Amino acid sequence: MYDLIISLSIRGLINKSAPTTMTEERFELLQNDRLAPQRNPRSWSSSRKWPSSRSASPEAPAPPPEPAQPTDKCFVVDVALRVLFFAATVTAVVVMVTSNQTKVVPGLGGPAPVEAKFKNSPALVYFVVALSVACLYSIITALASISVILTPIFATSFKLFFLLSDVVMLGIVASATGTAGTVAYIGLKGNSHTNWGKVCNVYDKFCRHIGSATAVSLFAAVVLVFLIALSVLSIHKKIPK
């Protein structure tokens, strides 16, 4: 009887101590969970899945479009001057080519028709060729200047190209104008030192055409001077102060 009472009391003590043991184990687990970030923060943070900041933040707005580059007014004036240069060179070539004139001139065998034309003078042939090249050049550069106005990306490079090419073309046009002017002056005044007689008293139309073509060619050379000055001014504005 005494043994039975002792066994029952031991079982009661075991049953009373069991919840306490379970509570102590749960407490230790919680303590370990709390101390885990302090012991090894890298492994603990890698095991945790945090919400992404990128997904939470709103999307960045798209950048505003770049403003269109303003049209350079120098190229607008450049196109106008090149159109004027084209008109001058075409006029000079047409006037010179249509200068043919036939007159009856007395000679040793009697009066005979003699034709005066620009092909008889190498200087006038050079004038026609040089002004024809200048006319073609004005067309190409005018189209290039218009393309720069539409897409002003290579504006500075084109300005430098126009400056150099205009200087070369000015030399060609000026030389052609000088040769034609020399022929026109000899035809008008003659040269007593070389016994070259004047012919403009006979071939009046021929001399008028040569003089007019020379004057128009001189005007074309002046237009080229303005184009060169415009290119220099435009490049000077691009230089930082």
C-alpha atoms as a PDB file:
ATOM      1  CA  MET A   1       0.000   0.000   0.000  1.00  0.00           C
ATOM      2  CA  TYR A   2       2.811   2.331   0.876  1.00  0.00           C
ATOM      3  CA  ASP A   3       4.541   1.541  -2.459  1.00  0.00           C
ATOM      4  CA  LEU A   4       1.410   2.411  -4.445  1.00  0.00           C
ATOM      5  CA  ILE A   5       1.137   5.800  -2.788  1.00  0.00           C
ATOM      6  CA  ILE A   6       4.779   6.574  -3.601  1.00  0.00           C
ATOM      7  CA  SER A   7       4.387   5.640  -7.317  1.00  0.00           C
ATOM      8  CA  LEU A   8       1.275   7.776  -7.683  1.00  0.00           C
ATOM      9  CA  SER A   9       2.958  10.779  -6.154  1.00  0.00           C
ATOM     10  CA  ILE A  10       5.979  10.370  -8.481  1.00  0.00           C
ATOM     11  CA  ARG A  11       3.685  10.302 -11.546  1.00  0.00           C
ATOM     12  CA  GLY A  12       1.922  13.438 -10.369  1.00  0.00           C
ATOM     13  CA  LEU A  13       5.226  15.223 -10.029  1.00  0.00           C
ATOM     14  CA  ILE A  14       6.246  14.133 -13.516  1.00  0.00           C
ATOM     15  CA  ASN A  15       2.988  15.377 -14.994  1.00  0.00           C
ATOM     16  CA  LYS A  16       3.334  18.734 -13.249  1.00  0.00           C
ATOM     17  CA  SER A  17       6.922  19.256 -14.427  1.00  0.00           C
ATOM     18  CA  ALA A  18       6.182  18.391 -18.114  1.00  0.00           C
ATOM     19  CA  PRO A  19       4.457  21.696 -19.052  1.00  0.00           C
ATOM     20  CA  THR A  20       7.262  23.589 -17.434  1.00  0.00           C
ATOM     21  CA  THR A  21       9.828  21.724 -19.504  1.00  0.00           C
ATOM     22  CA  MET A  22       7.908  22.429 -22.732  1.00  0.00           C
ATOM     23  CA  THR A  23       7.604  26.101 -21.859  1.00  0.00           C
ATOM     24  CA  GLU A  24      11.344  26.364 -21.242  1.00  0.00           C
ATOM     25  CA  GLU A  25      12.089  24.758 -24.643  1.00  0.00           C
ATOM     26  CA  ARG A  26       9.799  27.191 -26.487  1.00  0.00           C
ATOM     27  CA  PHE A  27      11.398  30.110 -24.667  1.00  0.00           C
ATOM     28  CA  GLU A  28      14.863  28.949 -25.776  1.00  0.00           C
ATOM     29  CA  LEU A  29      13.688  28.685 -29.402  1.00  0.00           C
ATOM     30  CA  LEU A  30      12.324  32.217 -29.329  1.00  0.00           C
ATOM     31  CA  GLN A  31      15.552  33.495 -27.816  1.00  0.00           C
ATOM     32  CA  ASN A  32      17.573  31.778 -30.509  1.00  0.00           C
ATOM     33  CA  ASP A  33      15.361  33.287 -33.232  1.00  0.00           C
ATOM     34  CA  ARG A  34      15.849  36.769 -31.803  1.00  0.00           C
ATOM     35  CA  LEU A  35      19.605  36.401 -31.448  1.00  0.00           C
ATOM     36  CA  ALA A  36      20.068  34.939 -34.961  1.00  0.00           C
ATOM     37  CA  PRO A  37      20.424  38.360 -36.762  1.00  0.00           C
ATOM     38  CA  GLN A  38      23.035  39.453 -34.211  1.00  0.00           C
ATOM     39  CA  ARG A  39      25.114  36.305 -34.533  1.00  0.00           C
ATOM     40  CA  ASN A  40      25.126  36.023 -38.333  1.00  0.00           C
ATOM     41  CA  PRO A  41      23.322  38.949 -39.987  1.00  0.00           C
ATOM     42  CA  ARG A  42      24.331  38.042 -43.554  1.00  0.00           C
ATOM     43  CA  SER A  43      22.934  34.525 -43.516  1.00  0.00           C
ATOM     44  CA  TRP A  44      19.816  35.665 -41.662  1.00  0.00           C
ATOM     45  CA  SER A  45      19.119  38.495 -44.088  1.00  0.00           C
ATOM     46  CA  SER A  46      19.690  36.244 -47.089  1.00  0.00           C
ATOM     47  CA  SER A  47      17.169  33.758 -45.721  1.00  0.00           C
ATOM     48  CA  ARG A  48      14.593  36.498 -45.231  1.00  0.00           C
ATOM     49  CA  LYS A  49      12.738  37.773 -48.294  1.00  0.00           C
ATOM     50  CA  TRP A  50      12.232  41.519 -48.107  1.00  0.00           C
ATOM     51  CA  PRO A  51       9.957  43.408 -50.511  1.00  0.00           C
ATOM     52  CA  SER A  52      11.849  44.945 -53.407  1.00  0.00           C
ATOM     53  CA  SER A  53      12.231  48.730 -53.261  1.00  0.00           C
ATOM     54  CA  ARG A  54      12.167  48.937 -57.064  1.00  0.00           C
ATOM     55  CA  SER A  55       8.758  47.357 -57.291  1.00  0.00           C
ATOM     56  CA  ALA A  56       7.440  49.602 -54.552  1.00  0.00           C
ATOM     57  CA  SER A  57       8.807  52.840 -56.008  1.00  0.00           C
ATOM     58  CA  PRO A  58       6.898  54.392 -58.918  1.00  0.00           C
ATOM     59  CA  GLU A  59       8.433  54.288 -62.404  1.00  0.00           C
ATOM     60  CA  ALA A  60      10.663  57.246 -63.296  1.00  0.00           C
ATOM     61  CA  PRO A  61       9.100  59.602 -65.842  1.00  0.00           C
ATOM     62  CA  ALA A  62      10.513  59.559 -69.358  1.00  0.00           C
ATOM     63  CA  PRO A  63      13.009  62.359 -70.100  1.00  0.00           C
ATOM     64  CA  PRO A  64      11.553  65.256 -72.069  1.00  0.00           C
ATOM     65  CA  PRO A  65      12.413  65.335 -75.792  1.00  0.00           C
ATOM     66  CA  GLU A  66      15.385  67.429 -76.792  1.00  0.00           C
ATOM     67  CA  PRO A  67      14.391  70.818 -78.177  1.00  0.00           C
ATOM     68  CA  ALA A  68      14.905  71.275 -81.897  1.00  0.00           C
ATOM     69  CA  GLN A  69      17.975  73.262 -82.818  1.00  0.00           C
ATOM     70  CA  PRO A  70      17.144  76.741 -84.080  1.00  0.00           C
ATOM     71  CA  THR A  71      17.744  77.478 -87.722  1.00  0.00           C
ATOM     72  CA  ASP A  72      20.939  79.406 -88.339  1.00  0.00           C
ATOM     73  CA  LYS A  73      20.007  82.662 -90.064  1.00  0.00           C
ATOM     74  CA  CYS A  74      23.433  82.770 -91.685  1.00  0.00           C
ATOM     75  CA  PHE A  75      22.531  79.753 -93.826  1.00  0.00           C
ATOM     76  CA  VAL A  76      19.289  81.413 -94.929  1.00  0.00           C
ATOM     77  CA  VAL A  77      21.263  84.430 -96.142  1.00  0.00           C
ATOM     78  CA  ASP A  78      23.833  82.038 -97.634  1.00  0.00           C
ATOM     79  CA  VAL A  79      21.180  80.324 -99.754  1.00  0.00           C
ATOM     80  CA  ALA A  80      19.878  83.683-101.001  1.00  0.00           C
ATOM     81  CA  LEU A  81      23.379  84.830-101.985  1.00  0.00           C
ATOM     82  CA  ARG A  82      24.136  81.567-103.752  1.00  0.00           C
ATOM     83  CA  VAL A  83      20.935  81.809-105.762  1.00  0.00           C
ATOM     84  CA  LEU A  84      21.999  85.340-106.726  1.00  0.00           C
ATOM     85  CA  PHE A  85      25.454  84.046-107.645  1.00  0.00           C
ATOM     86  CA  PHE A  86      23.877  81.352-109.813  1.00  0.00           C
ATOM     87  CA  ALA A  87      21.767  83.927-111.641  1.00  0.00           C
ATOM     88  CA  ALA A  88      24.807  86.136-112.248  1.00  0.00           C
ATOM     89  CA  THR A  89      26.987  83.356-113.634  1.00  0.00           C
ATOM     90  CA  VAL A  90      24.245  82.010-115.901  1.00  0.00           C
ATOM     91  CA  THR A  91      23.579  85.505-117.231  1.00  0.00           C
ATOM     92  CA  ALA A  92      27.278  86.119-117.911  1.00  0.00           C
ATOM     93  CA  VAL A  93      27.664  82.828-119.806  1.00  0.00           C
ATOM     94  CA  VAL A  94      24.523  83.359-121.902  1.00  0.00           C
ATOM     95  CA  VAL A  95      25.480  86.931-122.801  1.00  0.00           C
ATOM     96  CA  MET A  96      28.981  85.870-123.816  1.00  0.00           C
ATOM     97  CA  VAL A  97      27.823  82.860-125.866  1.00  0.00           C
ATOM     98  CA  THR A  98      25.291  84.989-127.811  1.00  0.00           C
ATOM     99  CA  SER A  99      27.847  87.661-128.736  1.00  0.00           C
ATOM    100  CA  ASN A 100      28.393  86.450-132.305  1.00  0.00           C
ATOM    101  CA  GLN A 101      28.166  89.160-134.956  1.00  0.00           C
ATOM    102  CA  THR A 102      28.877  89.155-138.687  1.00  0.00           C
ATOM    103  CA  LYS A 103      29.928  92.269-140.572  1.00  0.00           C
ATOM    104  CA  VAL A 104      31.063  92.984-144.109  1.00  0.00           C
ATOM    105  CA  VAL A 105      34.643  94.186-143.790  1.00  0.00           C
ATOM    106  CA  PRO A 106      36.722  95.524-146.676  1.00  0.00           C
ATOM    107  CA  GLY A 107      39.802  93.484-147.434  1.00  0.00           C
ATOM    108  CA  LEU A 108      42.472  92.975-150.077  1.00  0.00           C
ATOM    109  CA  GLY A 109      40.172  90.857-152.200  1.00  0.00           C
ATOM    110  CA  GLY A 110      37.215  93.169-151.696  1.00  0.00           C
ATOM    111  CA  PRO A 111      34.525  93.362-149.023  1.00  0.00           C
ATOM    112  CA  ALA A 112      33.795  90.064-147.357  1.00  0.00           C
ATOM    113  CA  PRO A 113      31.622  89.031-144.398  1.00  0.00           C
ATOM    114  CA  VAL A 114      33.673  88.391-141.277  1.00  0.00           C
ATOM    115  CA  GLU A 115      32.183  86.900-138.138  1.00  0.00           C
ATOM    116  CA  ALA A 116      33.292  87.902-134.646  1.00  0.00           C
ATOM    117  CA  LYS A 117      32.636  85.284-131.923  1.00  0.00           C
ATOM    118  CA  PHE A 118      34.004  84.426-128.539  1.00  0.00           C
ATOM    119  CA  LYS A 119      35.579  81.184-129.794  1.00  0.00           C
ATOM    120  CA  ASN A 120      38.134  83.241-131.705  1.00  0.00           C
ATOM    121  CA  SER A 121      39.708  84.400-128.424  1.00  0.00           C
ATOM    122  CA  PRO A 122      41.220  81.906-125.944  1.00  0.00           C
ATOM    123  CA  ALA A 123      40.634  84.446-123.166  1.00  0.00           C
ATOM    124  CA  LEU A 124      36.896  84.518-123.863  1.00  0.00           C
ATOM    125  CA  VAL A 125      36.770  80.719-124.076  1.00  0.00           C
ATOM    126  CA  TYR A 126      38.389  80.552-120.663  1.00  0.00           C
ATOM    127  CA  PHE A 127      35.791  83.039-119.413  1.00  0.00           C
ATOM    128  CA  VAL A 128      32.914  80.837-120.571  1.00  0.00           C
ATOM    129  CA  VAL A 129      34.433  77.676-119.084  1.00  0.00           C
ATOM    130  CA  ALA A 130      35.251  79.327-115.755  1.00  0.00           C
ATOM    131  CA  LEU A 131      31.792  80.869-115.386  1.00  0.00           C
ATOM    132  CA  SER A 132      30.168  77.539-116.321  1.00  0.00           C
ATOM    133  CA  VAL A 133      32.106  75.818-113.537  1.00  0.00           C
ATOM    134  CA  ALA A 134      31.067  78.594-111.144  1.00  0.00           C
ATOM    135  CA  CYS A 135      27.439  78.120-112.159  1.00  0.00           C
ATOM    136  CA  LEU A 136      27.601  74.384-111.396  1.00  0.00           C
ATOM    137  CA  TYR A 137      29.351  75.141-108.121  1.00  0.00           C
ATOM    138  CA  SER A 138      26.584  77.541-107.081  1.00  0.00           C
ATOM    139  CA  ILE A 139      23.938  74.849-107.631  1.00  0.00           C
ATOM    140  CA  ILE A 140      25.797  72.247-105.549  1.00  0.00           C
ATOM    141  CA  THR A 141      26.568  74.598-102.668  1.00  0.00           C
ATOM    142  CA  ALA A 142      23.031  76.009-102.614  1.00  0.00           C
ATOM    143  CA  LEU A 143      21.599  72.495-102.269  1.00  0.00           C
ATOM    144  CA  ALA A 144      24.153  71.713 -99.557  1.00  0.00           C
ATOM    145  CA  SER A 145      23.217  74.879 -97.677  1.00  0.00           C
ATOM    146  CA  ILE A 146      19.519  73.958 -97.848  1.00  0.00           C
ATOM    147  CA  SER A 147      20.306  70.497 -96.472  1.00  0.00           C
ATOM    148  CA  VAL A 148      22.162  72.097 -93.543  1.00  0.00           C
ATOM    149  CA  ILE A 149      19.082  74.219 -92.775  1.00  0.00           C
ATOM    150  CA  LEU A 150      16.944  71.073 -92.658  1.00  0.00           C
ATOM    151  CA  THR A 151      19.469  69.041 -90.609  1.00  0.00           C
ATOM    152  CA  PRO A 152      21.875  71.407 -88.823  1.00  0.00           C
ATOM    153  CA  ILE A 153      24.083  68.676 -87.362  1.00  0.00           C
ATOM    154  CA  PHE A 154      27.132  69.319 -89.535  1.00  0.00           C
ATOM    155  CA  ALA A 155      26.668  73.086 -89.733  1.00  0.00           C
ATOM    156  CA  THR A 156      30.164  73.997 -88.535  1.00  0.00           C
ATOM    157  CA  SER A 157      31.881  71.574 -90.928  1.00  0.00           C
ATOM    158  CA  PHE A 158      29.898  72.901 -93.877  1.00  0.00           C
ATOM    159  CA  LYS A 159      30.746  76.490 -92.965  1.00  0.00           C
ATOM    160  CA  LEU A 160      34.434  75.694 -93.085  1.00  0.00           C
ATOM    161  CA  PHE A 161      34.008  73.862 -96.396  1.00  0.00           C
ATOM    162  CA  PHE A 162      32.069  76.787 -97.879  1.00  0.00           C
ATOM    163  CA  LEU A 163      34.740  79.222 -96.746  1.00  0.00           C
ATOM    164  CA  LEU A 164      37.605  77.350 -98.415  1.00  0.00           C
ATOM    165  CA  SER A 165      35.731  76.512-101.610  1.00  0.00           C
ATOM    166  CA  ASP A 166      34.390  80.062-101.995  1.00  0.00           C
ATOM    167  CA  VAL A 167      37.911  81.452-101.784  1.00  0.00           C
ATOM    168  CA  VAL A 168      39.044  79.101-104.567  1.00  0.00           C
ATOM    169  CA  MET A 169      36.010  79.948-106.695  1.00  0.00           C
ATOM    170  CA  LEU A 170      36.577  83.668-106.162  1.00  0.00           C
ATOM    171  CA  GLY A 171      40.050  83.311-107.638  1.00  0.00           C
ATOM    172  CA  ILE A 172      38.676  81.515-110.707  1.00  0.00           C
ATOM    173  CA  VAL A 173      35.876  84.029-111.319  1.00  0.00           C
ATOM    174  CA  ALA A 174      38.160  87.019-110.751  1.00  0.00           C
ATOM    175  CA  SER A 175      40.756  85.705-113.192  1.00  0.00           C
ATOM    176  CA  ALA A 176      38.089  85.037-115.840  1.00  0.00           C
ATOM    177  CA  THR A 177      36.671  88.524-115.345  1.00  0.00           C
ATOM    178  CA  GLY A 178      40.118  90.045-115.744  1.00  0.00           C
ATOM    179  CA  THR A 179      40.827  88.222-119.020  1.00  0.00           C
ATOM    180  CA  ALA A 180      37.465  89.161-120.517  1.00  0.00           C
ATOM    181  CA  GLY A 181      37.893  92.771-119.396  1.00  0.00           C
ATOM    182  CA  THR A 182      41.302  92.925-121.095  1.00  0.00           C
ATOM    183  CA  VAL A 183      39.876  91.696-124.408  1.00  0.00           C
ATOM    184  CA  ALA A 184      36.973  94.145-124.127  1.00  0.00           C
ATOM    185  CA  TYR A 185      39.311  97.082-123.463  1.00  0.00           C
ATOM    186  CA  ILE A 186      41.570  96.246-126.418  1.00  0.00           C
ATOM    187  CA  GLY A 187      38.541  95.898-128.670  1.00  0.00           C
ATOM    188  CA  LEU A 188      37.255  99.265-127.484  1.00  0.00           C
ATOM    189  CA  LYS A 189      40.495 101.288-127.399  1.00  0.00           C
ATOM    190  CA  GLY A 190      43.021  99.200-129.292  1.00  0.00           C
ATOM    191  CA  ASN A 191      46.756  99.226-128.527  1.00  0.00           C
ATOM    192  CA  SER A 192      48.976 101.579-130.436  1.00  0.00           C
ATOM    193  CA  HIS A 193      52.180  99.996-129.098  1.00  0.00           C
ATOM    194  CA  THR A 194      51.370  96.653-130.693  1.00  0.00           C
ATOM    195  CA  ASN A 195      49.382  98.089-133.617  1.00  0.00           C
ATOM    196  CA  TRP A 196      46.198  96.398-132.468  1.00  0.00           C
ATOM    197  CA  GLY A 197      43.363  98.400-133.896  1.00  0.00           C
ATOM    198  CA  LYS A 198      40.025  98.781-132.171  1.00  0.00           C
ATOM    199  CA  VAL A 199      37.132  96.724-133.522  1.00  0.00           C
ATOM    200  CA  CYS A 200      34.216  97.947-131.436  1.00  0.00           C
ATOM    201  CA  ASN A 201      33.475 100.672-133.984  1.00  0.00           C
ATOM    202  CA  VAL A 202      32.640  97.849-136.413  1.00  0.00           C
ATOM    203  CA  TYR A 203      31.412  95.032-134.147  1.00  0.00           C
ATOM    204  CA  ASP A 204      29.339  97.076-131.789  1.00  0.00           C
ATOM    205  CA  LYS A 205      27.034  94.235-130.684  1.00  0.00           C
ATOM    206  CA  PHE A 206      29.973  91.922-130.056  1.00  0.00           C
ATOM    207  CA  CYS A 207      31.688  94.484-127.843  1.00  0.00           C
ATOM    208  CA  ARG A 208      28.507  95.266-125.924  1.00  0.00           C
ATOM    209  CA  HIS A 209      28.013  91.604-125.109  1.00  0.00           C
ATOM    210  CA  ILE A 210      31.603  91.231-123.951  1.00  0.00           C
ATOM    211  CA  GLY A 211      31.347  94.335-121.768  1.00  0.00           C
ATOM    212  CA  SER A 212      28.019  93.261-120.290  1.00  0.00           C
ATOM    213  CA  ALA A 213      29.239  89.736-119.555  1.00  0.00           C
ATOM    214  CA  THR A 214      32.345  91.150-117.880  1.00  0.00           C
ATOM    215  CA  ALA A 215      30.252  93.484-115.705  1.00  0.00           C
ATOM    216  CA  VAL A 216      27.930  90.658-114.624  1.00  0.00           C
ATOM    217  CA  SER A 217      30.935  88.465-113.875  1.00  0.00           C
ATOM    218  CA  LEU A 218      32.366  91.228-111.709  1.00  0.00           C
ATOM    219  CA  PHE A 219      29.077  91.342-109.820  1.00  0.00           C
ATOM    220  CA  ALA A 220      29.298  87.566-109.285  1.00  0.00           C
ATOM    221  CA  ALA A 221      32.777  88.023-107.815  1.00  0.00           C
ATOM    222  CA  VAL A 222      31.401  90.631-105.395  1.00  0.00           C
ATOM    223  CA  VAL A 223      28.693  88.173-104.320  1.00  0.00           C
ATOM    224  CA  LEU A 224      31.413  85.617-103.590  1.00  0.00           C
ATOM    225  CA  VAL A 225      33.185  88.184-101.421  1.00  0.00           C
ATOM    226  CA  PHE A 226      29.989  88.601 -99.393  1.00  0.00           C
ATOM    227  CA  LEU A 227      29.670  84.810 -99.086  1.00  0.00           C
ATOM    228  CA  ILE A 228      33.225  84.543 -97.758  1.00  0.00           C
ATOM    229  CA  ALA A 229      32.608  87.345 -95.269  1.00  0.00           C
ATOM    230  CA  LEU A 230      29.404  85.644 -94.132  1.00  0.00           C
ATOM    231  CA  SER A 231      31.218  82.327 -93.551  1.00  0.00           C
ATOM    232  CA  VAL A 232      33.993  84.050 -91.600  1.00  0.00           C
ATOM    233  CA  LEU A 233      31.457  85.879 -89.432  1.00  0.00           C
ATOM    234  CA  SER A 234      29.477  82.699 -88.791  1.00  0.00           C
ATOM    235  CA  ILE A 235      32.587  80.722 -87.780  1.00  0.00           C
ATOM    236  CA  HIS A 236      33.747  83.610 -85.567  1.00  0.00           C
ATOM    237  CA  LYS A 237      30.480  83.440 -83.623  1.00  0.00           C
ATOM    238  CA  LYS A 238      31.092  79.750 -82.879  1.00  0.00           C
ATOM    239  CA  ILE A 239      34.445  80.443 -81.210  1.00  0.00           C
ATOM    240  CA  PRO A 240      34.004  80.467 -77.402  1.00  0.00           C
ATOM    241  CA  LYS A 241      35.051  83.716 -75.768  1.00  0.00           C
END
